[in-house]
Amino acid sequence: MLAISPRKIVHIIYLAREGTVGDPEAHAFIEGLNDDEQASLTAVAWVGRGAFEAEEYDEAVATAVSEATTPTADYLLGMPHLAENLESGLEALGIDVTGEEEDFLRQGS
C-alpha cells in the first residue's frame, strides 16, 4: 500500500514536531526520498488533512504525482500542521506506528 516505510514517516513527524520545518535536515530528508516515497508521503498528509478519504489513497498518490509543481519538501514543510496531518493520515489508513515511534525515541536518546 504505502511506498514509504512508516519509520520514515515517523522521522518526518518528529522533525516537523520539533519545529525544524525550515531546518535543512528536514528538507534534506524529504528530498532524499525517491519519487514514489515523496508521492506516498504527500498522499498520507492529504488523507490526514481530509482532502482525500483513506479509501482514495491510490487516487491521492496519483494526484501527488500528476500535480507536483513545487518540490515536495517545500510543499510539505510549508503545510500547516504537517505532523498532525501525517499522524491522522496513518491512523485513517489503519497503520500503527507505535513500534516505529518507540524505536525512534530509543535511538534518539
N, C-alpha and C. Protein backbone atom coordinates (compact mmCIF):
# COMPACT_ATOMS: atom_id res chain seq x y z
N MET A 1 0.83 -1.19 0.00
CA MET A 1 0.00 0.00 0.00
C MET A 1 0.88 1.26 0.00
N LEU A 2 1.58 1.51 1.11
CA LEU A 2 2.47 2.67 1.17
C LEU A 2 3.76 2.38 0.40
N ALA A 3 4.24 3.38 -0.30
CA ALA A 3 5.52 3.26 -1.00
C ALA A 3 6.65 3.83 -0.15
N ILE A 4 6.33 4.18 1.10
CA ILE A 4 7.31 4.72 2.04
C ILE A 4 7.15 3.97 3.35
N SER A 5 8.25 3.72 4.02
CA SER A 5 8.15 2.99 5.27
C SER A 5 7.55 3.89 6.36
N PRO A 6 6.73 3.29 7.21
CA PRO A 6 6.18 4.07 8.33
C PRO A 6 7.29 4.69 9.18
N ARG A 7 8.42 4.04 9.26
CA ARG A 7 9.55 4.57 10.04
C ARG A 7 10.01 5.93 9.50
N LYS A 8 10.06 6.05 8.17
CA LYS A 8 10.45 7.32 7.57
C LYS A 8 9.41 8.40 7.86
N ILE A 9 8.14 8.02 7.84
CA ILE A 9 7.09 8.99 8.14
C ILE A 9 7.20 9.44 9.59
N VAL A 10 7.48 8.52 10.49
CA VAL A 10 7.67 8.87 11.90
C VAL A 10 8.83 9.85 12.03
N HIS A 11 9.91 9.63 11.30
CA HIS A 11 11.06 10.54 11.34
C HIS A 11 10.63 11.95 10.93
N ILE A 12 9.86 12.05 9.87
CA ILE A 12 9.39 13.36 9.40
C ILE A 12 8.45 13.99 10.43
N ILE A 13 7.60 13.19 11.03
CA ILE A 13 6.69 13.70 12.08
C ILE A 13 7.51 14.35 13.19
N TYR A 14 8.55 13.66 13.62
CA TYR A 14 9.37 14.21 14.71
C TYR A 14 10.15 15.44 14.28
N LEU A 15 10.63 15.47 13.06
CA LEU A 15 11.31 16.67 12.57
C LEU A 15 10.34 17.85 12.55
N ALA A 16 9.13 17.61 12.06
CA ALA A 16 8.12 18.68 11.99
C ALA A 16 7.69 19.10 13.39
N ARG A 17 7.54 18.16 14.28
CA ARG A 17 7.09 18.45 15.63
C ARG A 17 8.14 19.23 16.41
N GLU A 18 9.40 19.00 16.09
CA GLU A 18 10.48 19.68 16.79
C GLU A 18 10.68 21.11 16.30
N GLY A 19 9.88 21.51 15.33
CA GLY A 19 9.98 22.88 14.84
C GLY A 19 11.11 23.10 13.86
N THR A 20 11.57 22.02 13.24
CA THR A 20 12.67 22.14 12.29
C THR A 20 12.17 22.27 10.87
N VAL A 21 10.95 22.76 10.70
CA VAL A 21 10.34 22.83 9.37
C VAL A 21 11.23 23.57 8.39
N GLY A 22 11.87 24.64 8.82
CA GLY A 22 12.76 25.37 7.93
C GLY A 22 14.18 24.85 7.98
N ASP A 23 14.41 23.86 8.79
CA ASP A 23 15.74 23.31 9.00
C ASP A 23 16.20 22.52 7.77
N PRO A 24 17.43 22.69 7.38
CA PRO A 24 17.95 21.93 6.23
C PRO A 24 17.85 20.42 6.42
N GLU A 25 17.88 19.93 7.67
CA GLU A 25 17.79 18.49 7.91
C GLU A 25 16.45 17.94 7.42
N ALA A 26 15.37 18.65 7.71
CA ALA A 26 14.04 18.20 7.27
C ALA A 26 13.95 18.23 5.75
N HIS A 27 14.43 19.32 5.14
CA HIS A 27 14.41 19.41 3.68
C HIS A 27 15.23 18.29 3.06
N ALA A 28 16.42 18.09 3.58
CA ALA A 28 17.31 17.07 3.01
C ALA A 28 16.71 15.68 3.15
N PHE A 29 16.08 15.41 4.27
CA PHE A 29 15.49 14.08 4.47
C PHE A 29 14.41 13.82 3.42
N ILE A 30 13.50 14.77 3.24
CA ILE A 30 12.41 14.59 2.27
C ILE A 30 12.95 14.56 0.85
N GLU A 31 13.91 15.44 0.54
CA GLU A 31 14.49 15.46 -0.80
C GLU A 31 15.24 14.17 -1.10
N GLY A 32 15.72 13.49 -0.07
CA GLY A 32 16.43 12.23 -0.24
C GLY A 32 15.52 11.04 -0.53
N LEU A 33 14.22 11.23 -0.36
CA LEU A 33 13.28 10.17 -0.67
C LEU A 33 13.12 10.04 -2.18
N ASN A 34 12.83 8.83 -2.66
CA ASN A 34 12.59 8.70 -4.09
C ASN A 34 11.21 9.24 -4.44
N ASP A 35 10.91 9.34 -5.73
CA ASP A 35 9.65 9.95 -6.18
C ASP A 35 8.43 9.23 -5.63
N ASP A 36 8.46 7.90 -5.60
CA ASP A 36 7.32 7.14 -5.08
C ASP A 36 7.12 7.41 -3.58
N GLU A 37 8.21 7.48 -2.84
CA GLU A 37 8.11 7.77 -1.41
C GLU A 37 7.55 9.17 -1.18
N GLN A 38 8.00 10.13 -1.95
CA GLN A 38 7.51 11.51 -1.81
C GLN A 38 6.02 11.59 -2.13
N ALA A 39 5.58 10.91 -3.18
CA ALA A 39 4.15 10.93 -3.54
C ALA A 39 3.33 10.25 -2.45
N SER A 40 3.83 9.16 -1.91
CA SER A 40 3.13 8.45 -0.85
C SER A 40 3.04 9.31 0.41
N LEU A 41 4.12 9.97 0.76
CA LEU A 41 4.14 10.86 1.92
C LEU A 41 3.12 11.99 1.76
N THR A 42 3.09 12.57 0.59
CA THR A 42 2.12 13.63 0.32
C THR A 42 0.69 13.10 0.44
N ALA A 43 0.46 11.92 -0.10
CA ALA A 43 -0.88 11.32 -0.03
C ALA A 43 -1.31 11.06 1.42
N VAL A 44 -0.39 10.58 2.24
CA VAL A 44 -0.71 10.35 3.66
C VAL A 44 -1.10 11.66 4.33
N ALA A 45 -0.35 12.73 4.04
CA ALA A 45 -0.66 14.04 4.62
C ALA A 45 -2.03 14.52 4.15
N TRP A 46 -2.35 14.30 2.88
CA TRP A 46 -3.65 14.72 2.36
C TRP A 46 -4.79 13.93 2.99
N VAL A 47 -4.60 12.65 3.19
CA VAL A 47 -5.63 11.84 3.87
C VAL A 47 -5.82 12.37 5.28
N GLY A 48 -4.72 12.66 5.96
CA GLY A 48 -4.80 13.19 7.31
C GLY A 48 -5.45 14.55 7.39
N ARG A 49 -5.29 15.34 6.36
CA ARG A 49 -5.88 16.68 6.31
C ARG A 49 -7.35 16.64 5.90
N GLY A 50 -7.78 15.51 5.36
CA GLY A 50 -9.17 15.37 4.95
C GLY A 50 -9.42 15.70 3.49
N ALA A 51 -8.37 15.94 2.72
CA ALA A 51 -8.53 16.24 1.30
C ALA A 51 -8.94 14.99 0.52
N PHE A 52 -8.56 13.83 1.03
CA PHE A 52 -8.92 12.53 0.46
C PHE A 52 -9.34 11.62 1.61
N GLU A 53 -10.22 10.69 1.32
CA GLU A 53 -10.58 9.65 2.28
C GLU A 53 -9.53 8.55 2.20
N ALA A 54 -9.44 7.75 3.24
CA ALA A 54 -8.47 6.65 3.26
C ALA A 54 -8.66 5.73 2.05
N GLU A 55 -9.92 5.51 1.66
CA GLU A 55 -10.21 4.64 0.52
C GLU A 55 -9.73 5.24 -0.80
N GLU A 56 -9.41 6.52 -0.80
CA GLU A 56 -8.96 7.21 -2.00
C GLU A 56 -7.44 7.40 -2.02
N TYR A 57 -6.75 6.65 -1.18
CA TYR A 57 -5.30 6.79 -1.06
C TYR A 57 -4.60 6.68 -2.41
N ASP A 58 -4.95 5.67 -3.21
CA ASP A 58 -4.29 5.49 -4.51
C ASP A 58 -4.52 6.69 -5.41
N GLU A 59 -5.72 7.25 -5.35
CA GLU A 59 -6.03 8.46 -6.13
C GLU A 59 -5.18 9.64 -5.63
N ALA A 60 -5.00 9.71 -4.31
CA ALA A 60 -4.18 10.78 -3.73
C ALA A 60 -2.74 10.67 -4.21
N VAL A 61 -2.22 9.45 -4.27
CA VAL A 61 -0.85 9.25 -4.76
C VAL A 61 -0.75 9.68 -6.22
N ALA A 62 -1.72 9.26 -7.04
CA ALA A 62 -1.71 9.64 -8.45
C ALA A 62 -1.79 11.16 -8.61
N THR A 63 -2.59 11.79 -7.78
CA THR A 63 -2.72 13.25 -7.83
C THR A 63 -1.41 13.91 -7.42
N ALA A 64 -0.76 13.37 -6.40
CA ALA A 64 0.52 13.92 -5.95
C ALA A 64 1.56 13.86 -7.06
N VAL A 65 1.52 12.79 -7.83
CA VAL A 65 2.48 12.65 -8.93
C VAL A 65 2.13 13.60 -10.07
N SER A 66 0.86 13.62 -10.46
CA SER A 66 0.47 14.39 -11.65
C SER A 66 0.41 15.89 -11.42
N GLU A 67 0.20 16.32 -10.19
CA GLU A 67 0.05 17.75 -9.93
C GLU A 67 1.24 18.38 -9.21
N ALA A 68 2.33 17.66 -9.13
CA ALA A 68 3.51 18.19 -8.45
C ALA A 68 4.09 19.35 -9.25
N THR A 69 4.05 20.54 -8.66
CA THR A 69 4.62 21.72 -9.31
C THR A 69 5.68 22.39 -8.45
N THR A 70 5.74 21.98 -7.21
CA THR A 70 6.67 22.53 -6.23
C THR A 70 7.49 21.37 -5.68
N PRO A 71 8.75 21.57 -5.35
CA PRO A 71 9.49 20.50 -4.69
C PRO A 71 8.72 19.99 -3.47
N THR A 72 8.65 18.68 -3.33
CA THR A 72 7.85 18.06 -2.27
C THR A 72 8.25 18.57 -0.89
N ALA A 73 9.53 18.71 -0.64
CA ALA A 73 9.97 19.19 0.68
C ALA A 73 9.42 20.58 0.96
N ASP A 74 9.49 21.47 -0.02
CA ASP A 74 8.97 22.82 0.17
C ASP A 74 7.46 22.79 0.42
N TYR A 75 6.76 21.99 -0.37
CA TYR A 75 5.30 21.90 -0.24
C TYR A 75 4.91 21.37 1.14
N LEU A 76 5.46 20.22 1.52
CA LEU A 76 5.06 19.60 2.78
C LEU A 76 5.49 20.42 3.99
N LEU A 77 6.70 20.94 3.96
CA LEU A 77 7.19 21.68 5.11
C LEU A 77 6.52 23.05 5.24
N GLY A 78 5.85 23.47 4.19
CA GLY A 78 5.06 24.69 4.25
C GLY A 78 3.62 24.43 4.66
N MET A 79 3.27 23.15 4.82
CA MET A 79 1.91 22.77 5.18
C MET A 79 1.70 22.97 6.69
N PRO A 80 0.69 23.76 7.06
CA PRO A 80 0.39 23.89 8.49
C PRO A 80 0.01 22.53 9.08
N HIS A 81 0.48 22.27 10.26
CA HIS A 81 0.13 21.06 11.00
C HIS A 81 0.58 19.78 10.29
N LEU A 82 1.76 19.81 9.67
CA LEU A 82 2.25 18.64 8.94
C LEU A 82 2.29 17.40 9.83
N ALA A 83 2.87 17.51 11.02
CA ALA A 83 2.98 16.34 11.90
C ALA A 83 1.61 15.75 12.21
N GLU A 84 0.66 16.61 12.54
CA GLU A 84 -0.69 16.14 12.86
C GLU A 84 -1.37 15.51 11.65
N ASN A 85 -1.16 16.11 10.47
CA ASN A 85 -1.74 15.54 9.25
C ASN A 85 -1.17 14.16 8.96
N LEU A 86 0.13 14.00 9.12
CA LEU A 86 0.74 12.69 8.89
C LEU A 86 0.25 11.66 9.91
N GLU A 87 0.16 12.06 11.17
CA GLU A 87 -0.34 11.14 12.20
C GLU A 87 -1.79 10.73 11.90
N SER A 88 -2.62 11.70 11.56
CA SER A 88 -4.02 11.42 11.25
C SER A 88 -4.15 10.55 10.00
N GLY A 89 -3.30 10.81 9.02
CA GLY A 89 -3.32 10.01 7.80
C GLY A 89 -2.96 8.57 8.05
N LEU A 90 -1.92 8.35 8.84
CA LEU A 90 -1.54 6.98 9.18
C LEU A 90 -2.66 6.28 9.93
N GLU A 91 -3.26 6.99 10.87
CA GLU A 91 -4.36 6.40 11.64
C GLU A 91 -5.54 6.06 10.73
N ALA A 92 -5.90 6.98 9.84
CA ALA A 92 -7.02 6.74 8.92
C ALA A 92 -6.75 5.55 8.02
N LEU A 93 -5.49 5.34 7.67
CA LEU A 93 -5.11 4.22 6.81
C LEU A 93 -4.94 2.93 7.60
N GLY A 94 -5.12 3.00 8.92
CA GLY A 94 -5.02 1.81 9.76
C GLY A 94 -3.60 1.34 9.99
N ILE A 95 -2.65 2.27 9.94
CA ILE A 95 -1.24 1.92 10.11
C ILE A 95 -0.80 2.33 11.51
N ASP A 96 -0.45 1.34 12.30
CA ASP A 96 0.00 1.57 13.67
C ASP A 96 1.51 1.73 13.67
N VAL A 97 1.97 2.88 14.13
CA VAL A 97 3.41 3.16 14.13
C VAL A 97 4.00 3.19 15.54
N THR A 98 3.30 2.59 16.48
CA THR A 98 3.77 2.59 17.87
C THR A 98 5.18 2.03 17.98
N GLY A 99 5.44 0.91 17.32
CA GLY A 99 6.77 0.30 17.38
C GLY A 99 7.83 1.19 16.78
N GLU A 100 7.51 1.81 15.64
CA GLU A 100 8.46 2.72 15.00
C GLU A 100 8.74 3.93 15.86
N GLU A 101 7.69 4.46 16.52
CA GLU A 101 7.88 5.61 17.41
C GLU A 101 8.79 5.25 18.57
N GLU A 102 8.56 4.08 19.16
CA GLU A 102 9.39 3.65 20.29
C GLU A 102 10.84 3.47 19.86
N ASP A 103 11.06 2.85 18.70
CA ASP A 103 12.42 2.67 18.19
C ASP A 103 13.09 4.02 17.92
N PHE A 104 12.33 4.94 17.33
CA PHE A 104 12.87 6.25 17.01
C PHE A 104 13.28 6.97 18.28
N LEU A 105 12.41 6.95 19.29
CA LEU A 105 12.71 7.63 20.55
C LEU A 105 13.89 6.97 21.26
N ARG A 106 13.97 5.68 21.19
CA ARG A 106 15.06 4.93 21.84
C ARG A 106 16.39 5.31 21.19
N GLN A 107 16.41 5.41 19.87
CA GLN A 107 17.65 5.75 19.17
C GLN A 107 18.05 7.21 19.41
N GLY A 108 17.04 8.07 19.60
CA GLY A 108 17.32 9.47 19.81
C GLY A 108 17.82 9.80 21.20
N SER A 109 17.65 8.87 22.11
CA SER A 109 18.08 9.16 23.50
C SER A 109 19.43 8.59 23.82
